[in-house]
Amino acid sequence: MADFVRVAGTAEVKPGHGIVAEVKGKTLAVFNVDGTFHVIDNTCVHRGGPLGEGEVEGRVVTCPWHGWQFNLMTGECLKNPSAKVEVYEVKVDGADVKVLL
């Protein structure tokens, strides 16, 4: 059964930035977009780049390795919507960012 699991503290993820978190054997990218948190797979589907280390502009993250861009809400690649990363359901519980795993 899936449960919400803590991935980060709200203070750990600055607005307009992302971090990488390891939870239950998964490497996830956690982003703060104007106080709204988004969690996606950290691995870019192009060449495995670390999305959590990418540049964030609005609701889009750019992979730092080859520039592929992904919508943080849908996981879709902007240039190739059939290429997607997994998006996780998120809730904020006090000072904790939790994801459904």
N, C-alpha and C. Protein backbone atom coordinates (compact mmCIF):
# COMPACT_ATOMS: atom_id res chain seq x y z
N MET A 1 0.82 -1.18 0.00
CA MET A 1 0.00 0.00 0.00
C MET A 1 0.88 1.25 0.00
N ALA A 2 0.51 2.23 -0.80
CA ALA A 2 1.28 3.47 -0.89
C ALA A 2 1.01 4.36 0.32
N ASP A 3 2.06 5.04 0.77
CA ASP A 3 1.96 5.98 1.89
C ASP A 3 2.70 7.25 1.53
N PHE A 4 2.34 8.35 2.19
CA PHE A 4 3.11 9.58 2.03
C PHE A 4 4.36 9.47 2.89
N VAL A 5 5.51 9.75 2.25
CA VAL A 5 6.81 9.62 2.89
C VAL A 5 7.54 10.96 2.80
N ARG A 6 8.20 11.35 3.86
CA ARG A 6 8.95 12.61 3.87
C ARG A 6 10.10 12.55 2.87
N VAL A 7 10.21 13.60 2.03
CA VAL A 7 11.33 13.68 1.09
C VAL A 7 12.25 14.84 1.41
N ALA A 8 11.72 15.87 2.07
CA ALA A 8 12.53 17.04 2.39
C ALA A 8 11.78 17.93 3.37
N GLY A 9 12.50 18.83 3.96
CA GLY A 9 11.87 19.88 4.75
C GLY A 9 11.58 21.06 3.83
N THR A 10 10.52 21.79 4.12
CA THR A 10 10.17 22.91 3.25
C THR A 10 11.31 23.94 3.18
N ALA A 11 12.06 24.12 4.25
CA ALA A 11 13.16 25.08 4.26
C ALA A 11 14.37 24.61 3.46
N GLU A 12 14.43 23.32 3.14
CA GLU A 12 15.57 22.78 2.39
C GLU A 12 15.53 23.13 0.91
N VAL A 13 14.34 23.44 0.40
CA VAL A 13 14.18 23.69 -1.04
C VAL A 13 13.79 25.15 -1.23
N LYS A 14 14.75 25.96 -1.67
CA LYS A 14 14.50 27.39 -1.85
C LYS A 14 13.58 27.62 -3.04
N PRO A 15 12.77 28.66 -2.98
CA PRO A 15 11.90 28.99 -4.12
C PRO A 15 12.71 29.14 -5.42
N GLY A 16 12.20 28.51 -6.48
CA GLY A 16 12.88 28.57 -7.78
C GLY A 16 14.04 27.61 -7.92
N HIS A 17 14.17 26.67 -7.00
CA HIS A 17 15.27 25.71 -7.02
C HIS A 17 14.76 24.29 -6.81
N GLY A 18 15.68 23.35 -6.97
CA GLY A 18 15.39 21.95 -6.73
C GLY A 18 16.50 21.30 -5.93
N ILE A 19 16.20 20.14 -5.38
CA ILE A 19 17.19 19.33 -4.69
C ILE A 19 16.97 17.87 -5.11
N VAL A 20 17.95 17.05 -4.81
CA VAL A 20 17.85 15.62 -5.06
C VAL A 20 17.65 14.93 -3.71
N ALA A 21 16.71 13.98 -3.66
CA ALA A 21 16.42 13.24 -2.42
C ALA A 21 16.34 11.75 -2.72
N GLU A 22 16.87 10.95 -1.82
CA GLU A 22 16.79 9.49 -1.91
C GLU A 22 15.74 9.01 -0.93
N VAL A 23 14.72 8.32 -1.44
CA VAL A 23 13.63 7.84 -0.60
C VAL A 23 13.19 6.46 -1.08
N LYS A 24 13.20 5.50 -0.18
CA LYS A 24 12.72 4.14 -0.47
C LYS A 24 13.33 3.59 -1.77
N GLY A 25 14.62 3.78 -1.96
CA GLY A 25 15.31 3.25 -3.13
C GLY A 25 15.10 4.04 -4.40
N LYS A 26 14.43 5.18 -4.33
CA LYS A 26 14.20 6.02 -5.51
C LYS A 26 14.99 7.32 -5.36
N THR A 27 15.50 7.81 -6.48
CA THR A 27 16.15 9.11 -6.51
C THR A 27 15.17 10.09 -7.12
N LEU A 28 14.75 11.07 -6.31
CA LEU A 28 13.71 12.00 -6.71
C LEU A 28 14.26 13.42 -6.77
N ALA A 29 13.62 14.25 -7.59
CA ALA A 29 13.93 15.67 -7.66
C ALA A 29 12.76 16.42 -7.05
N VAL A 30 13.07 17.29 -6.09
CA VAL A 30 12.06 18.05 -5.36
C VAL A 30 12.25 19.52 -5.70
N PHE A 31 11.16 20.18 -6.13
CA PHE A 31 11.24 21.57 -6.56
C PHE A 31 10.25 22.43 -5.78
N ASN A 32 10.64 23.70 -5.60
CA ASN A 32 9.78 24.69 -4.96
C ASN A 32 9.50 25.77 -5.99
N VAL A 33 8.25 25.86 -6.44
CA VAL A 33 7.83 26.89 -7.39
C VAL A 33 6.88 27.83 -6.65
N ASP A 34 7.43 28.94 -6.20
CA ASP A 34 6.64 29.95 -5.48
C ASP A 34 5.85 29.35 -4.32
N GLY A 35 6.49 28.44 -3.56
CA GLY A 35 5.85 27.85 -2.40
C GLY A 35 5.04 26.59 -2.67
N THR A 36 4.92 26.22 -3.94
CA THR A 36 4.26 24.96 -4.31
C THR A 36 5.35 23.95 -4.63
N PHE A 37 5.27 22.78 -4.01
CA PHE A 37 6.31 21.77 -4.19
C PHE A 37 5.89 20.74 -5.23
N HIS A 38 6.87 20.33 -6.05
CA HIS A 38 6.67 19.33 -7.09
C HIS A 38 7.77 18.29 -6.94
N VAL A 39 7.42 17.02 -7.17
CA VAL A 39 8.40 15.94 -7.10
C VAL A 39 8.28 15.10 -8.37
N ILE A 40 9.43 14.88 -9.02
CA ILE A 40 9.51 14.05 -10.22
C ILE A 40 10.70 13.11 -10.08
N ASP A 41 10.79 12.13 -10.99
CA ASP A 41 11.99 11.31 -11.04
C ASP A 41 13.17 12.22 -11.30
N ASN A 42 14.30 11.94 -10.69
CA ASN A 42 15.48 12.77 -10.85
C ASN A 42 16.20 12.50 -12.17
N THR A 43 15.94 11.37 -12.80
CA THR A 43 16.72 10.95 -13.97
C THR A 43 16.07 11.38 -15.28
N CYS A 44 16.78 12.20 -16.04
CA CYS A 44 16.31 12.64 -17.36
C CYS A 44 16.24 11.43 -18.29
N VAL A 45 15.15 11.34 -19.06
CA VAL A 45 14.97 10.19 -19.95
C VAL A 45 15.90 10.25 -21.17
N HIS A 46 16.53 11.37 -21.42
CA HIS A 46 17.43 11.50 -22.58
C HIS A 46 18.74 10.75 -22.34
N ARG A 47 19.50 11.18 -21.36
CA ARG A 47 20.79 10.56 -21.09
C ARG A 47 21.08 10.39 -19.60
N GLY A 48 20.02 10.43 -18.78
CA GLY A 48 20.20 10.15 -17.36
C GLY A 48 20.68 11.32 -16.52
N GLY A 49 20.58 12.53 -17.03
CA GLY A 49 21.03 13.70 -16.27
C GLY A 49 20.22 13.91 -15.00
N PRO A 50 20.82 14.59 -14.01
CA PRO A 50 20.17 14.82 -12.71
C PRO A 50 19.24 16.04 -12.75
N LEU A 51 17.95 15.81 -12.93
CA LEU A 51 17.00 16.90 -13.07
C LEU A 51 16.94 17.80 -11.83
N GLY A 52 17.17 17.23 -10.67
CA GLY A 52 17.15 18.02 -9.44
C GLY A 52 18.24 19.07 -9.37
N GLU A 53 19.22 18.97 -10.24
CA GLU A 53 20.30 19.95 -10.31
C GLU A 53 20.09 20.94 -11.46
N GLY A 54 18.95 20.82 -12.14
CA GLY A 54 18.68 21.67 -13.29
C GLY A 54 18.16 23.05 -12.93
N GLU A 55 18.15 23.93 -13.94
CA GLU A 55 17.60 25.28 -13.79
C GLU A 55 16.08 25.21 -13.80
N VAL A 56 15.44 25.96 -12.92
CA VAL A 56 13.99 26.01 -12.85
C VAL A 56 13.53 27.39 -13.30
N GLU A 57 12.59 27.39 -14.24
CA GLU A 57 11.97 28.64 -14.68
C GLU A 57 10.47 28.39 -14.75
N GLY A 58 9.74 29.04 -13.86
CA GLY A 58 8.30 28.76 -13.77
C GLY A 58 8.11 27.32 -13.36
N ARG A 59 7.30 26.60 -14.14
CA ARG A 59 7.04 25.17 -13.85
C ARG A 59 7.82 24.26 -14.78
N VAL A 60 8.99 24.72 -15.24
CA VAL A 60 9.81 23.93 -16.16
C VAL A 60 11.21 23.79 -15.59
N VAL A 61 11.74 22.56 -15.64
CA VAL A 61 13.13 22.31 -15.26
C VAL A 61 13.90 21.94 -16.51
N THR A 62 15.13 22.45 -16.61
CA THR A 62 16.01 22.15 -17.73
C THR A 62 17.13 21.24 -17.24
N CYS A 63 17.27 20.09 -17.89
CA CYS A 63 18.33 19.14 -17.51
C CYS A 63 19.70 19.81 -17.70
N PRO A 64 20.56 19.72 -16.68
CA PRO A 64 21.86 20.38 -16.78
C PRO A 64 22.82 19.73 -17.77
N TRP A 65 22.55 18.53 -18.22
CA TRP A 65 23.47 17.86 -19.14
C TRP A 65 23.25 18.23 -20.60
N HIS A 66 22.03 18.15 -21.09
CA HIS A 66 21.79 18.36 -22.52
C HIS A 66 20.62 19.28 -22.83
N GLY A 67 20.06 19.93 -21.81
CA GLY A 67 19.06 20.95 -22.03
C GLY A 67 17.64 20.49 -22.27
N TRP A 68 17.35 19.22 -22.10
CA TRP A 68 15.95 18.79 -22.24
C TRP A 68 15.14 19.45 -21.14
N GLN A 69 13.93 19.89 -21.49
CA GLN A 69 13.08 20.60 -20.54
C GLN A 69 11.82 19.78 -20.24
N PHE A 70 11.43 19.79 -18.95
CA PHE A 70 10.29 19.01 -18.50
C PHE A 70 9.33 19.87 -17.69
N ASN A 71 8.04 19.67 -17.93
CA ASN A 71 6.99 20.33 -17.17
C ASN A 71 6.91 19.64 -15.81
N LEU A 72 7.02 20.40 -14.74
CA LEU A 72 7.02 19.81 -13.40
C LEU A 72 5.66 19.26 -12.98
N MET A 73 4.60 19.71 -13.62
CA MET A 73 3.26 19.24 -13.26
C MET A 73 2.87 17.96 -14.00
N THR A 74 3.32 17.81 -15.24
CA THR A 74 2.92 16.66 -16.06
C THR A 74 4.04 15.67 -16.30
N GLY A 75 5.29 16.10 -16.14
CA GLY A 75 6.44 15.25 -16.43
C GLY A 75 6.80 15.20 -17.90
N GLU A 76 6.01 15.88 -18.76
CA GLU A 76 6.25 15.81 -20.21
C GLU A 76 7.45 16.67 -20.62
N CYS A 77 8.20 16.12 -21.57
CA CYS A 77 9.28 16.87 -22.21
C CYS A 77 8.63 17.90 -23.13
N LEU A 78 9.09 19.14 -23.10
CA LEU A 78 8.46 20.20 -23.89
C LEU A 78 8.59 19.96 -25.38
N LYS A 79 9.72 19.43 -25.84
CA LYS A 79 9.92 19.22 -27.27
C LYS A 79 9.42 17.87 -27.75
N ASN A 80 9.25 16.93 -26.83
CA ASN A 80 8.82 15.58 -27.19
C ASN A 80 7.89 15.07 -26.09
N PRO A 81 6.59 15.44 -26.14
CA PRO A 81 5.65 15.08 -25.06
C PRO A 81 5.52 13.58 -24.79
N SER A 82 5.93 12.74 -25.72
CA SER A 82 5.87 11.30 -25.46
C SER A 82 6.99 10.86 -24.52
N ALA A 83 8.01 11.70 -24.35
CA ALA A 83 9.09 11.42 -23.41
C ALA A 83 8.70 12.06 -22.08
N LYS A 84 8.49 11.23 -21.06
CA LYS A 84 8.01 11.72 -19.77
C LYS A 84 8.84 11.15 -18.63
N VAL A 85 8.89 11.93 -17.56
CA VAL A 85 9.41 11.43 -16.29
C VAL A 85 8.22 11.28 -15.35
N GLU A 86 8.35 10.41 -14.38
CA GLU A 86 7.23 10.18 -13.47
C GLU A 86 7.05 11.38 -12.54
N VAL A 87 5.80 11.74 -12.31
CA VAL A 87 5.42 12.82 -11.40
C VAL A 87 4.74 12.18 -10.19
N TYR A 88 5.09 12.66 -9.01
CA TYR A 88 4.56 12.08 -7.78
C TYR A 88 3.60 13.04 -7.08
N GLU A 89 2.60 12.48 -6.43
CA GLU A 89 1.67 13.28 -5.65
C GLU A 89 2.39 13.79 -4.40
N VAL A 90 2.20 15.08 -4.11
CA VAL A 90 2.91 15.74 -3.02
C VAL A 90 1.91 16.36 -2.05
N LYS A 91 2.28 16.34 -0.77
CA LYS A 91 1.54 17.13 0.21
C LYS A 91 2.55 17.71 1.19
N VAL A 92 2.21 18.88 1.71
CA VAL A 92 3.04 19.51 2.72
C VAL A 92 2.35 19.29 4.06
N ASP A 93 3.12 18.74 4.98
CA ASP A 93 2.61 18.41 6.31
C ASP A 93 3.48 19.16 7.32
N GLY A 94 3.02 20.33 7.75
CA GLY A 94 3.83 21.17 8.62
C GLY A 94 5.04 21.66 7.86
N ALA A 95 6.23 21.30 8.35
CA ALA A 95 7.48 21.71 7.70
C ALA A 95 8.04 20.61 6.79
N ASP A 96 7.27 19.56 6.55
CA ASP A 96 7.74 18.44 5.74
C ASP A 96 7.07 18.39 4.38
N VAL A 97 7.87 18.11 3.35
CA VAL A 97 7.35 17.83 2.02
C VAL A 97 7.27 16.31 1.93
N LYS A 98 6.08 15.79 1.64
CA LYS A 98 5.89 14.34 1.58
C LYS A 98 5.41 13.96 0.19
N VAL A 99 5.79 12.75 -0.23
CA VAL A 99 5.42 12.24 -1.54
C VAL A 99 4.75 10.88 -1.38
N LEU A 100 3.80 10.59 -2.25
CA LEU A 100 3.09 9.32 -2.20
C LEU A 100 3.91 8.26 -2.93
N LEU A 101 4.37 7.26 -2.16
CA LEU A 101 5.15 6.14 -2.72
C LEU A 101 4.53 4.83 -2.30
